[in-house]
Amino acid sequence: MSVAPTRDICDRTLDYALRAVDLFDHLQSSQNRAGWIIGDQYLRAGTSIGANLEEAQAGESRSDFAHKCAIALKEARESLFWLRLLERAGIVPTPRLAPLIQETRELIAILTTIVVKTKRPILPRIPVLFFSIFSLLL
C-alpha cells in the first residue's frame, strides 16, 4: 500500500490560484455577465488564499502568523461561496466545479487546523522553571 506524497500548503494554494485563473478565463469567454462578476469575485478570493499564506510565512510573531492564516481561511470560505453560487445559478456545470469545490473544502479543513493549532497556547514554562529552582533550594 503506497502513501500519497504530501504537498506543501503554499504549493497547493498556488495550484489552486492557477485553477481560479482558468475558471475566470472560462467565465470571461461566456456571454453570461453575472458569471463575469461572480468570476471576478472568485478570482480575488481564490488567489488571495495563497498570497496570505505566503505573507504568513514571514509573520513577525506567532499571533501575526495565526492572523494571516485566519485571513487565508476567510478567503477560502468566500471562494467556496462563489463556487457554490456559480453551481446553483447554473452558470457552470456541476461536473466542472465538483473537483474545485472539493479542493476548496480540503483547503478550508487544512487552514482551520493550522489556525486552531497555532492559536492554542504554548505550554507555560514557568511552572517547570519554578520547579527546577525550587528543587535547588531543597
C-alpha atoms as a PDB file:
ATOM      1  CA  MET A   1       0.000   0.000   0.000  1.00  0.00           C
ATOM      2  CA  SER A   2       1.581   3.283  -1.064  1.00  0.00           C
ATOM      3  CA  VAL A   3       1.011   6.566   0.678  1.00  0.00           C
ATOM      4  CA  ALA A   4       0.443   9.649  -1.448  1.00  0.00           C
ATOM      5  CA  PRO A   5       3.175  12.257  -1.024  1.00  0.00           C
ATOM      6  CA  THR A   6       2.192  15.298   0.976  1.00  0.00           C
ATOM      7  CA  ARG A   7       2.149  18.640  -0.784  1.00  0.00           C
ATOM      8  CA  ASP A   8       3.312  21.876   0.758  1.00  0.00           C
ATOM      9  CA  ILE A   9       0.289  24.049   1.551  1.00  0.00           C
ATOM     10  CA  CYS A  10       1.855  27.049  -0.233  1.00  0.00           C
ATOM     11  CA  ASP A  11       2.346  24.992  -3.409  1.00  0.00           C
ATOM     12  CA  ARG A  12      -1.161  23.636  -3.110  1.00  0.00           C
ATOM     13  CA  THR A  13      -2.685  27.108  -2.803  1.00  0.00           C
ATOM     14  CA  LEU A  14      -0.602  28.308  -5.764  1.00  0.00           C
ATOM     15  CA  ASP A  15      -2.023  25.445  -7.851  1.00  0.00           C
ATOM     16  CA  TYR A  16      -5.474  26.401  -6.568  1.00  0.00           C
ATOM     17  CA  ALA A  17      -4.920  30.020  -7.653  1.00  0.00           C
ATOM     18  CA  LEU A  18      -3.991  28.801 -11.139  1.00  0.00           C
ATOM     19  CA  ARG A  19      -7.225  26.837 -11.278  1.00  0.00           C
ATOM     20  CA  ALA A  20      -9.082  30.004 -10.233  1.00  0.00           C
ATOM     21  CA  VAL A  21      -7.453  31.845 -13.142  1.00  0.00           C
ATOM     22  CA  ASP A  22      -8.565  29.092 -15.527  1.00  0.00           C
ATOM     23  CA  LEU A  23     -12.150  29.263 -14.274  1.00  0.00           C
ATOM     24  CA  PHE A  24     -12.109  33.064 -14.512  1.00  0.00           C
ATOM     25  CA  ASP A  25     -10.888  32.866 -18.133  1.00  0.00           C
ATOM     26  CA  HIS A  26     -13.643  30.355 -18.922  1.00  0.00           C
ATOM     27  CA  LEU A  27     -16.284  32.655 -17.421  1.00  0.00           C
ATOM     28  CA  GLN A  28     -14.934  35.685 -19.294  1.00  0.00           C
ATOM     29  CA  SER A  29     -15.311  33.834 -22.576  1.00  0.00           C
ATOM     30  CA  SER A  30     -19.038  33.249 -21.966  1.00  0.00           C
ATOM     31  CA  GLN A  31     -21.876  35.684 -22.572  1.00  0.00           C
ATOM     32  CA  ASN A  32     -23.203  35.423 -19.008  1.00  0.00           C
ATOM     33  CA  ARG A  33     -22.468  38.784 -17.418  1.00  0.00           C
ATOM     34  CA  ALA A  34     -23.378  37.548 -13.940  1.00  0.00           C
ATOM     35  CA  GLY A  35     -20.722  34.880 -14.441  1.00  0.00           C
ATOM     36  CA  TRP A  36     -18.183  37.612 -15.243  1.00  0.00           C
ATOM     37  CA  ILE A  37     -18.879  39.414 -11.979  1.00  0.00           C
ATOM     38  CA  ILE A  38     -19.024  36.281  -9.832  1.00  0.00           C
ATOM     39  CA  GLY A  39     -15.893  35.012 -11.566  1.00  0.00           C
ATOM     40  CA  ASP A  40     -14.104  38.245 -10.681  1.00  0.00           C
ATOM     41  CA  GLN A  41     -15.117  37.870  -7.035  1.00  0.00           C
ATOM     42  CA  TYR A  42     -13.997  34.241  -7.024  1.00  0.00           C
ATOM     43  CA  LEU A  43     -10.677  35.102  -8.662  1.00  0.00           C
ATOM     44  CA  ARG A  44      -9.936  37.720  -5.998  1.00  0.00           C
ATOM     45  CA  ALA A  45     -10.772  35.362  -3.112  1.00  0.00           C
ATOM     46  CA  GLY A  46      -9.187  32.261  -4.661  1.00  0.00           C
ATOM     47  CA  THR A  47      -5.852  33.918  -5.382  1.00  0.00           C
ATOM     48  CA  SER A  48      -5.811  35.653  -2.007  1.00  0.00           C
ATOM     49  CA  ILE A  49      -5.622  32.355  -0.107  1.00  0.00           C
ATOM     50  CA  GLY A  50      -2.098  31.607  -1.260  1.00  0.00           C
ATOM     51  CA  ALA A  51      -0.991  35.229  -1.070  1.00  0.00           C
ATOM     52  CA  ASN A  52      -1.990  35.411   2.592  1.00  0.00           C
ATOM     53  CA  LEU A  53      -0.249  32.124   3.366  1.00  0.00           C
ATOM     54  CA  GLU A  54       2.941  33.364   1.734  1.00  0.00           C
ATOM     55  CA  GLU A  55       2.682  36.506   3.820  1.00  0.00           C
ATOM     56  CA  ALA A  56       2.107  34.387   6.932  1.00  0.00           C
ATOM     57  CA  GLN A  57       5.441  32.660   6.316  1.00  0.00           C
ATOM     58  CA  ALA A  58       7.098  35.990   7.109  1.00  0.00           C
ATOM     59  CA  GLY A  59       4.931  36.640  10.160  1.00  0.00           C
ATOM     60  CA  GLU A  60       6.572  38.769  12.801  1.00  0.00           C
ATOM     61  CA  SER A  61       5.162  36.683  15.629  1.00  0.00           C
ATOM     62  CA  ARG A  62       3.108  33.583  16.284  1.00  0.00           C
ATOM     63  CA  SER A  63      -0.052  35.706  16.570  1.00  0.00           C
ATOM     64  CA  ASP A  64       0.788  37.515  13.303  1.00  0.00           C
ATOM     65  CA  PHE A  65       1.206  34.120  11.593  1.00  0.00           C
ATOM     66  CA  ALA A  66      -2.141  32.937  13.020  1.00  0.00           C
ATOM     67  CA  HIS A  67      -3.855  36.159  11.945  1.00  0.00           C
ATOM     68  CA  LYS A  68      -2.667  35.880   8.340  1.00  0.00           C
ATOM     69  CA  CYS A  69      -3.639  32.204   8.229  1.00  0.00           C
ATOM     70  CA  ALA A  70      -7.077  33.170   9.545  1.00  0.00           C
ATOM     71  CA  ILE A  71      -7.421  35.674   6.698  1.00  0.00           C
ATOM     72  CA  ALA A  72      -6.481  32.913   4.234  1.00  0.00           C
ATOM     73  CA  LEU A  73      -9.179  30.746   5.839  1.00  0.00           C
ATOM     74  CA  LYS A  74     -11.785  33.502   5.384  1.00  0.00           C
ATOM     75  CA  GLU A  75     -10.788  33.834   1.726  1.00  0.00           C
ATOM     76  CA  ALA A  76     -11.150  30.067   1.269  1.00  0.00           C
ATOM     77  CA  ARG A  77     -14.636  30.187   2.757  1.00  0.00           C
ATOM     78  CA  GLU A  78     -15.530  33.084   0.466  1.00  0.00           C
ATOM     79  CA  SER A  79     -14.171  31.123  -2.503  1.00  0.00           C
ATOM     80  CA  LEU A  80     -16.432  28.212  -1.595  1.00  0.00           C
ATOM     81  CA  PHE A  81     -19.421  30.564  -1.512  1.00  0.00           C
ATOM     82  CA  TRP A  82     -18.715  31.896  -5.029  1.00  0.00           C
ATOM     83  CA  LEU A  83     -18.228  28.375  -6.401  1.00  0.00           C
ATOM     84  CA  ARG A  84     -21.495  27.202  -4.874  1.00  0.00           C
ATOM     85  CA  LEU A  85     -23.253  30.252  -6.327  1.00  0.00           C
ATOM     86  CA  LEU A  86     -21.855  29.521  -9.798  1.00  0.00           C
ATOM     87  CA  GLU A  87     -23.114  25.960  -9.449  1.00  0.00           C
ATOM     88  CA  ARG A  88     -26.580  26.749  -8.104  1.00  0.00           C
ATOM     89  CA  ALA A  89     -27.159  29.524 -10.618  1.00  0.00           C
ATOM     90  CA  GLY A  90     -26.365  27.058 -13.385  1.00  0.00           C
ATOM     91  CA  ILE A  91     -23.584  29.268 -14.722  1.00  0.00           C
ATOM     92  CA  VAL A  92     -21.010  26.462 -14.593  1.00  0.00           C
ATOM     93  CA  PRO A  93     -21.996  22.775 -14.730  1.00  0.00           C
ATOM     94  CA  THR A  94     -21.584  20.778 -11.534  1.00  0.00           C
ATOM     95  CA  PRO A  95     -19.145  18.231 -13.038  1.00  0.00           C
ATOM     96  CA  ARG A  96     -16.729  21.060 -13.871  1.00  0.00           C
ATOM     97  CA  LEU A  97     -16.974  22.629 -10.395  1.00  0.00           C
ATOM     98  CA  ALA A  98     -17.084  19.478  -8.227  1.00  0.00           C
ATOM     99  CA  PRO A  99     -13.279  18.918  -8.090  1.00  0.00           C
ATOM    100  CA  LEU A 100     -12.676  22.599  -7.367  1.00  0.00           C
ATOM    101  CA  ILE A 101     -15.318  22.637  -4.635  1.00  0.00           C
ATOM    102  CA  GLN A 102     -13.733  19.518  -3.100  1.00  0.00           C
ATOM    103  CA  GLU A 103     -10.272  21.115  -3.153  1.00  0.00           C
ATOM    104  CA  THR A 104     -11.702  24.261  -1.557  1.00  0.00           C
ATOM    105  CA  ARG A 105     -13.255  22.217   1.243  1.00  0.00           C
ATOM    106  CA  GLU A 106      -9.954  20.417   1.814  1.00  0.00           C
ATOM    107  CA  LEU A 107      -8.085  23.736   1.977  1.00  0.00           C
ATOM    108  CA  ILE A 108     -10.641  25.014   4.492  1.00  0.00           C
ATOM    109  CA  ALA A 109     -10.072  21.929   6.658  1.00  0.00           C
ATOM    110  CA  ILE A 110      -6.281  22.285   6.491  1.00  0.00           C
ATOM    111  CA  LEU A 111      -6.358  26.018   7.221  1.00  0.00           C
ATOM    112  CA  THR A 112      -8.794  25.511  10.092  1.00  0.00           C
ATOM    113  CA  THR A 113      -6.372  23.024  11.654  1.00  0.00           C
ATOM    114  CA  ILE A 114      -3.443  25.408  11.192  1.00  0.00           C
ATOM    115  CA  VAL A 115      -5.322  28.317  12.766  1.00  0.00           C
ATOM    116  CA  VAL A 116      -6.655  26.287  15.700  1.00  0.00           C
ATOM    117  CA  LYS A 117      -3.286  24.708  16.486  1.00  0.00           C
ATOM    118  CA  THR A 118      -1.424  27.997  16.119  1.00  0.00           C
ATOM    119  CA  LYS A 119      -3.820  29.850  18.397  1.00  0.00           C
ATOM    120  CA  ARG A 120      -3.531  27.119  21.022  1.00  0.00           C
ATOM    121  CA  PRO A 121      -1.491  28.484  23.903  1.00  0.00           C
ATOM    122  CA  ILE A 122       2.046  27.246  24.234  1.00  0.00           C
ATOM    123  CA  LEU A 123       2.526  25.285  27.444  1.00  0.00           C
ATOM    124  CA  PRO A 124       3.766  27.655  30.083  1.00  0.00           C
ATOM    125  CA  ARG A 125       7.376  27.122  31.020  1.00  0.00           C
ATOM    126  CA  ILE A 126       7.137  28.989  34.321  1.00  0.00           C
ATOM    127  CA  PRO A 127       5.997  26.005  36.431  1.00  0.00           C
ATOM    128  CA  VAL A 128       8.871  23.895  35.079  1.00  0.00           C
ATOM    129  CA  LEU A 129      11.339  26.657  35.783  1.00  0.00           C
ATOM    130  CA  PHE A 130       9.782  27.229  39.218  1.00  0.00           C
ATOM    131  CA  PHE A 131      10.043  23.507  39.975  1.00  0.00           C
ATOM    132  CA  SER A 132      13.703  23.478  38.909  1.00  0.00           C
ATOM    133  CA  ILE A 133      14.564  26.472  41.097  1.00  0.00           C
ATOM    134  CA  PHE A 134      12.514  25.094  43.993  1.00  0.00           C
ATOM    135  CA  SER A 135      14.322  21.735  43.844  1.00  0.00           C
ATOM    136  CA  LEU A 136      17.687  23.536  44.009  1.00  0.00           C
ATOM    137  CA  LEU A 137      16.639  25.184  47.267  1.00  0.00           C
ATOM    138  CA  LEU A 138      15.901  21.865  48.955  1.00  0.00           C
END
